[in-house]
N, C-alpha and C. Protein backbone atom coordinates (compact mmCIF):
# COMPACT_ATOMS: atom_id res chain seq x y z
N MET A 1 85.34 88.17 102.85
CA MET A 1 85.19 87.24 101.75
C MET A 1 85.88 87.79 100.49
N LEU A 2 85.51 89.02 100.11
CA LEU A 2 86.10 89.62 98.93
C LEU A 2 87.61 89.84 99.12
N HIS A 3 88.01 90.19 100.35
CA HIS A 3 89.42 90.42 100.63
C HIS A 3 90.24 89.15 100.39
N SER A 4 89.81 88.02 100.90
CA SER A 4 90.55 86.78 100.71
C SER A 4 90.54 86.34 99.25
N TYR A 5 89.43 86.63 98.56
CA TYR A 5 89.36 86.30 97.13
C TYR A 5 90.38 87.11 96.35
N MET A 6 90.51 88.42 96.67
CA MET A 6 91.46 89.28 95.97
C MET A 6 92.90 88.85 96.26
N ILE A 7 93.17 88.42 97.48
CA ILE A 7 94.51 87.93 97.82
C ILE A 7 94.82 86.68 97.02
N GLN A 8 93.86 85.79 96.87
CA GLN A 8 94.07 84.57 96.10
C GLN A 8 94.31 84.88 94.64
N ILE A 9 93.62 85.90 94.11
CA ILE A 9 93.80 86.27 92.71
C ILE A 9 95.16 86.91 92.50
N CYS A 10 95.55 87.80 93.40
CA CYS A 10 96.75 88.62 93.20
C CYS A 10 98.05 87.92 93.57
N PHE A 11 98.03 87.07 94.58
CA PHE A 11 99.27 86.47 95.05
C PHE A 11 99.21 84.96 94.96
N ARG A 12 100.28 84.37 94.56
CA ARG A 12 100.36 82.91 94.48
C ARG A 12 100.54 82.35 95.89
N GLN A 13 99.74 81.35 96.22
CA GLN A 13 99.72 80.83 97.58
C GLN A 13 100.93 79.96 97.91
N ASN A 14 101.56 79.39 96.92
CA ASN A 14 102.68 78.48 97.19
C ASN A 14 104.04 79.18 97.11
N MET A 15 104.06 80.50 97.13
CA MET A 15 105.31 81.24 97.04
C MET A 15 105.52 82.07 98.30
N VAL A 16 106.77 82.42 98.54
CA VAL A 16 107.03 83.39 99.59
C VAL A 16 106.53 84.75 99.11
N PHE A 17 106.35 85.69 100.04
CA PHE A 17 105.76 86.98 99.68
C PHE A 17 106.61 87.75 98.67
N PHE A 18 107.89 87.84 98.91
CA PHE A 18 108.80 88.58 98.04
C PHE A 18 110.03 87.73 97.84
N ASP A 19 110.26 87.29 96.62
CA ASP A 19 111.35 86.35 96.34
C ASP A 19 112.37 86.99 95.41
N ILE A 20 113.44 87.54 95.98
CA ILE A 20 114.47 88.21 95.19
C ILE A 20 115.20 87.22 94.28
N ARG A 21 115.12 85.94 94.59
CA ARG A 21 115.78 84.93 93.76
C ARG A 21 115.13 84.83 92.38
N ARG A 22 113.92 85.37 92.24
CA ARG A 22 113.26 85.34 90.94
C ARG A 22 113.82 86.40 89.99
N PHE A 23 114.60 87.36 90.51
CA PHE A 23 115.19 88.38 89.64
C PHE A 23 116.18 87.70 88.72
N ASN A 24 115.96 87.86 87.42
CA ASN A 24 116.82 87.20 86.45
C ASN A 24 117.04 88.11 85.24
N LEU A 25 117.53 87.55 84.19
CA LEU A 25 117.84 88.32 82.99
C LEU A 25 116.60 88.94 82.37
N TYR A 26 115.44 88.32 82.56
CA TYR A 26 114.20 88.88 82.04
C TYR A 26 113.95 90.29 82.59
N GLN A 27 114.21 90.50 83.87
CA GLN A 27 113.99 91.82 84.46
C GLN A 27 114.94 92.86 83.88
N VAL A 28 116.13 92.44 83.49
CA VAL A 28 117.07 93.35 82.85
C VAL A 28 116.54 93.71 81.45
N PHE A 29 116.06 92.72 80.71
CA PHE A 29 115.48 92.98 79.40
C PHE A 29 114.18 93.77 79.50
N TYR A 30 113.51 93.68 80.64
CA TYR A 30 112.27 94.42 80.85
C TYR A 30 112.53 95.92 80.86
N LEU A 31 113.76 96.34 81.12
CA LEU A 31 114.11 97.76 80.97
C LEU A 31 113.77 98.23 79.56
N PHE A 32 114.12 97.42 78.58
CA PHE A 32 113.84 97.77 77.18
C PHE A 32 112.35 97.73 76.89
N THR A 33 111.66 96.71 77.38
CA THR A 33 110.22 96.58 77.17
C THR A 33 109.46 97.74 77.80
N ALA A 34 109.81 98.09 79.02
CA ALA A 34 109.16 99.21 79.70
C ALA A 34 109.40 100.51 78.94
N PHE A 35 110.60 100.67 78.40
CA PHE A 35 110.89 101.88 77.62
C PHE A 35 110.02 101.94 76.37
N ILE A 36 109.91 100.82 75.66
CA ILE A 36 109.09 100.79 74.44
C ILE A 36 107.64 101.09 74.76
N GLN A 37 107.10 100.49 75.84
CA GLN A 37 105.72 100.74 76.21
C GLN A 37 105.50 102.20 76.57
N GLU A 38 106.39 102.77 77.34
CA GLU A 38 106.25 104.18 77.72
C GLU A 38 106.46 105.11 76.53
N PHE A 39 107.37 104.76 75.66
CA PHE A 39 107.58 105.58 74.46
C PHE A 39 106.31 105.62 73.62
N ILE A 40 105.68 104.46 73.42
CA ILE A 40 104.45 104.42 72.63
C ILE A 40 103.31 105.13 73.36
N ALA A 41 103.12 104.81 74.65
CA ALA A 41 101.99 105.36 75.39
C ALA A 41 102.13 106.85 75.66
N ARG A 42 103.32 107.31 75.96
CA ARG A 42 103.49 108.72 76.35
C ARG A 42 103.98 109.59 75.20
N SER A 43 105.16 109.25 74.66
CA SER A 43 105.75 110.11 73.64
C SER A 43 104.96 110.14 72.35
N VAL A 44 104.39 109.01 71.98
CA VAL A 44 103.63 108.96 70.72
C VAL A 44 102.16 109.28 70.97
N LEU A 45 101.48 108.43 71.76
CA LEU A 45 100.04 108.58 71.93
C LEU A 45 99.65 109.83 72.71
N GLN A 46 100.14 109.94 73.93
CA GLN A 46 99.71 111.05 74.79
C GLN A 46 100.08 112.40 74.18
N SER A 47 101.27 112.52 73.66
CA SER A 47 101.69 113.79 73.08
C SER A 47 100.84 114.17 71.87
N ASN A 48 100.57 113.20 71.00
CA ASN A 48 99.77 113.49 69.81
C ASN A 48 98.30 113.68 70.13
N LEU A 49 97.77 112.94 71.10
CA LEU A 49 96.39 113.16 71.51
C LEU A 49 96.23 114.56 72.11
N LYS A 50 97.21 115.00 72.85
CA LYS A 50 97.16 116.34 73.42
C LYS A 50 97.20 117.41 72.32
N ARG A 51 97.94 117.12 71.28
CA ARG A 51 98.07 118.06 70.17
C ARG A 51 96.75 118.21 69.40
N ILE A 52 96.00 117.11 69.24
CA ILE A 52 94.78 117.17 68.43
C ILE A 52 93.51 117.43 69.25
N ALA A 53 93.60 117.37 70.56
CA ALA A 53 92.41 117.57 71.39
C ALA A 53 91.93 119.01 71.28
N ILE A 54 90.60 119.17 71.37
CA ILE A 54 90.01 120.51 71.26
C ILE A 54 89.90 121.17 72.62
N ARG A 55 89.36 120.45 73.63
CA ARG A 55 89.24 120.98 74.99
C ARG A 55 89.88 120.00 75.96
N ASN A 56 90.22 120.48 77.13
CA ASN A 56 90.81 119.64 78.19
C ASN A 56 91.92 118.76 77.64
N LYS A 57 92.87 119.37 76.99
CA LYS A 57 93.91 118.64 76.26
C LYS A 57 94.65 117.63 77.13
N SER A 58 95.08 118.04 78.31
CA SER A 58 95.84 117.13 79.16
C SER A 58 95.00 115.97 79.63
N ALA A 59 93.81 116.25 80.13
CA ALA A 59 92.93 115.19 80.64
C ALA A 59 92.55 114.22 79.53
N TYR A 60 92.17 114.74 78.38
CA TYR A 60 91.79 113.91 77.24
C TYR A 60 92.93 112.97 76.86
N SER A 61 94.12 113.53 76.72
CA SER A 61 95.26 112.72 76.28
C SER A 61 95.66 111.69 77.33
N ILE A 62 95.62 112.06 78.60
CA ILE A 62 96.01 111.13 79.66
C ILE A 62 95.02 109.98 79.76
N ILE A 63 93.73 110.27 79.73
CA ILE A 63 92.71 109.22 79.85
C ILE A 63 92.79 108.25 78.69
N HIS A 64 92.86 108.75 77.48
CA HIS A 64 92.88 107.86 76.32
C HIS A 64 94.19 107.08 76.21
N ALA A 65 95.30 107.70 76.52
CA ALA A 65 96.58 106.98 76.50
C ALA A 65 96.60 105.91 77.60
N SER A 66 95.96 106.18 78.74
CA SER A 66 95.90 105.20 79.84
C SER A 66 95.06 103.99 79.46
N ILE A 67 93.98 104.21 78.74
CA ILE A 67 93.15 103.09 78.28
C ILE A 67 93.94 102.21 77.32
N ILE A 68 94.66 102.83 76.42
CA ILE A 68 95.48 102.06 75.47
C ILE A 68 96.61 101.35 76.21
N PHE A 69 97.20 102.02 77.19
CA PHE A 69 98.24 101.40 78.02
C PHE A 69 97.69 100.16 78.73
N ALA A 70 96.45 100.26 79.22
CA ALA A 70 95.82 99.11 79.88
C ALA A 70 95.61 97.96 78.90
N ILE A 71 95.26 98.28 77.67
CA ILE A 71 95.06 97.23 76.66
C ILE A 71 96.37 96.51 76.37
N PHE A 72 97.50 97.21 76.48
CA PHE A 72 98.82 96.56 76.33
C PHE A 72 98.97 95.40 77.32
N HIS A 73 98.27 95.48 78.45
CA HIS A 73 98.42 94.50 79.53
C HIS A 73 97.26 93.52 79.62
N ILE A 74 96.56 93.30 78.54
CA ILE A 74 95.38 92.44 78.52
C ILE A 74 95.73 90.98 78.87
N GLU A 75 96.92 90.56 78.57
CA GLU A 75 97.31 89.17 78.81
C GLU A 75 97.31 88.79 80.29
N TYR A 76 97.34 89.78 81.18
CA TYR A 76 97.37 89.50 82.62
C TYR A 76 96.00 89.47 83.26
N GLY A 77 94.95 89.76 82.51
CA GLY A 77 93.60 89.67 83.04
C GLY A 77 92.96 91.03 83.28
N PHE A 78 91.66 90.99 83.55
CA PHE A 78 90.85 92.20 83.68
C PHE A 78 91.31 93.09 84.83
N TRP A 79 91.51 92.53 86.02
CA TRP A 79 91.86 93.36 87.18
C TRP A 79 93.24 93.97 87.03
N PHE A 80 94.13 93.26 86.39
CA PHE A 80 95.46 93.82 86.14
C PHE A 80 95.35 94.98 85.15
N MET A 81 94.44 94.84 84.17
CA MET A 81 94.22 95.93 83.22
C MET A 81 93.68 97.17 83.92
N ILE A 82 92.78 96.97 84.89
CA ILE A 82 92.25 98.11 85.65
C ILE A 82 93.40 98.80 86.40
N GLY A 83 94.24 98.01 87.04
CA GLY A 83 95.41 98.57 87.73
C GLY A 83 96.35 99.27 86.77
N ALA A 84 96.54 98.69 85.58
CA ALA A 84 97.41 99.32 84.58
C ALA A 84 96.81 100.63 84.09
N ALA A 85 95.49 100.71 83.99
CA ALA A 85 94.84 101.96 83.57
C ALA A 85 95.05 103.04 84.63
N VAL A 86 94.90 102.68 85.90
CA VAL A 86 95.13 103.64 86.98
C VAL A 86 96.59 104.08 86.99
N LEU A 87 97.50 103.09 86.91
CA LEU A 87 98.92 103.42 86.87
C LEU A 87 99.24 104.26 85.64
N GLY A 88 98.63 103.91 84.50
CA GLY A 88 98.83 104.69 83.29
C GLY A 88 98.40 106.13 83.46
N GLY A 89 97.30 106.34 84.18
CA GLY A 89 96.85 107.70 84.46
C GLY A 89 97.86 108.46 85.31
N LEU A 90 98.36 107.80 86.34
CA LEU A 90 99.36 108.45 87.20
C LEU A 90 100.65 108.74 86.44
N LEU A 91 101.07 107.78 85.62
CA LEU A 91 102.27 108.00 84.81
C LEU A 91 102.03 109.08 83.77
N GLY A 92 100.80 109.15 83.26
CA GLY A 92 100.46 110.20 82.31
C GLY A 92 100.55 111.59 82.93
N VAL A 93 100.08 111.72 84.16
CA VAL A 93 100.20 113.00 84.88
C VAL A 93 101.67 113.33 85.10
N LEU A 94 102.44 112.32 85.51
CA LEU A 94 103.87 112.52 85.73
C LEU A 94 104.56 112.97 84.44
N TYR A 95 104.23 112.32 83.34
CA TYR A 95 104.81 112.70 82.05
C TYR A 95 104.39 114.11 81.64
N ASP A 96 103.12 114.43 81.90
CA ASP A 96 102.60 115.76 81.54
C ASP A 96 103.33 116.85 82.33
N LYS A 97 103.69 116.56 83.57
CA LYS A 97 104.39 117.55 84.40
C LYS A 97 105.88 117.62 84.06
N GLN A 98 106.50 116.45 83.83
CA GLN A 98 107.95 116.41 83.61
C GLN A 98 108.37 116.72 82.18
N LYS A 99 107.52 116.37 81.23
CA LYS A 99 107.82 116.53 79.80
C LYS A 99 109.00 115.67 79.35
N THR A 100 109.25 114.57 80.09
CA THR A 100 110.30 113.64 79.71
C THR A 100 109.85 112.22 80.04
N ILE A 101 110.36 111.28 79.29
CA ILE A 101 109.96 109.89 79.47
C ILE A 101 110.79 109.18 80.53
N LEU A 102 111.90 109.76 80.93
CA LEU A 102 112.84 109.09 81.84
C LEU A 102 112.18 108.68 83.16
N GLY A 103 111.50 109.58 83.81
CA GLY A 103 110.88 109.27 85.11
C GLY A 103 109.82 108.19 85.01
N VAL A 104 108.94 108.29 84.01
CA VAL A 104 107.87 107.30 83.88
C VAL A 104 108.43 105.94 83.48
N TRP A 105 109.50 105.95 82.72
CA TRP A 105 110.14 104.69 82.33
C TRP A 105 110.71 103.97 83.56
N ILE A 106 111.41 104.68 84.41
CA ILE A 106 112.00 104.07 85.60
C ILE A 106 110.91 103.58 86.56
N VAL A 107 109.87 104.39 86.77
CA VAL A 107 108.77 103.97 87.65
C VAL A 107 108.08 102.73 87.09
N HIS A 108 107.85 102.70 85.79
CA HIS A 108 107.23 101.53 85.14
C HIS A 108 108.09 100.29 85.35
N TRP A 109 109.38 100.42 85.15
CA TRP A 109 110.27 99.26 85.31
C TRP A 109 110.29 98.77 86.76
N ILE A 110 110.40 99.68 87.71
CA ILE A 110 110.44 99.29 89.13
C ILE A 110 109.16 98.58 89.53
N LEU A 111 108.01 99.13 89.14
CA LEU A 111 106.73 98.51 89.51
C LEU A 111 106.53 97.17 88.80
N GLY A 112 106.99 97.06 87.56
CA GLY A 112 106.90 95.78 86.85
C GLY A 112 107.75 94.70 87.49
N VAL A 113 108.97 95.04 87.86
CA VAL A 113 109.84 94.08 88.54
C VAL A 113 109.27 93.72 89.91
N ALA A 114 108.74 94.71 90.63
CA ALA A 114 108.13 94.43 91.94
C ALA A 114 106.94 93.49 91.80
N ALA A 115 106.11 93.70 90.78
CA ALA A 115 104.96 92.80 90.55
C ALA A 115 105.43 91.38 90.26
N PHE A 116 106.52 91.25 89.52
CA PHE A 116 107.08 89.93 89.24
C PHE A 116 107.64 89.28 90.50
N LEU A 117 108.40 90.03 91.29
CA LEU A 117 109.00 89.48 92.49
C LEU A 117 107.96 89.17 93.58
N LEU A 118 106.84 89.88 93.56
CA LEU A 118 105.75 89.60 94.50
C LEU A 118 104.88 88.44 94.04
N GLY A 119 105.06 87.99 92.80
CA GLY A 119 104.28 86.88 92.30
C GLY A 119 102.95 87.29 91.71
N ILE A 120 102.75 88.58 91.50
CA ILE A 120 101.49 89.04 90.91
C ILE A 120 101.43 88.68 89.44
N ILE A 121 102.57 88.80 88.75
CA ILE A 121 102.65 88.36 87.36
C ILE A 121 103.73 87.31 87.25
N ASP A 122 103.63 86.51 86.23
CA ASP A 122 104.60 85.43 86.04
C ASP A 122 104.97 85.39 84.57
N GLN A 123 106.26 85.39 84.28
CA GLN A 123 106.72 85.34 82.89
C GLN A 123 107.48 84.07 82.66
């Protein structure tokens, strides 16, 4: 029961599973949007939260930056925000290990475009 409900929420029933024809200029511009989001969430928030944290600097900064990253995605609904928080945590760990925004930016863009092509989000 819950499984079919989640499928109905996440995927549009009147679409094919993966529609590459939906790739358009928006996904190209999304490169810029994903960069801005990652710059704010990682380079600004996570780095500065890590700088001011007293204990568990990495964990504190990753958790709080992930919550704010999830709030960036409030327009897509509660469950999408939960997924964005989890993804934000994973990207936060990746950023903490790499010390560069390039990897998290590319992963963010690929997953965003995949969510659009799968019909999970619609712009």
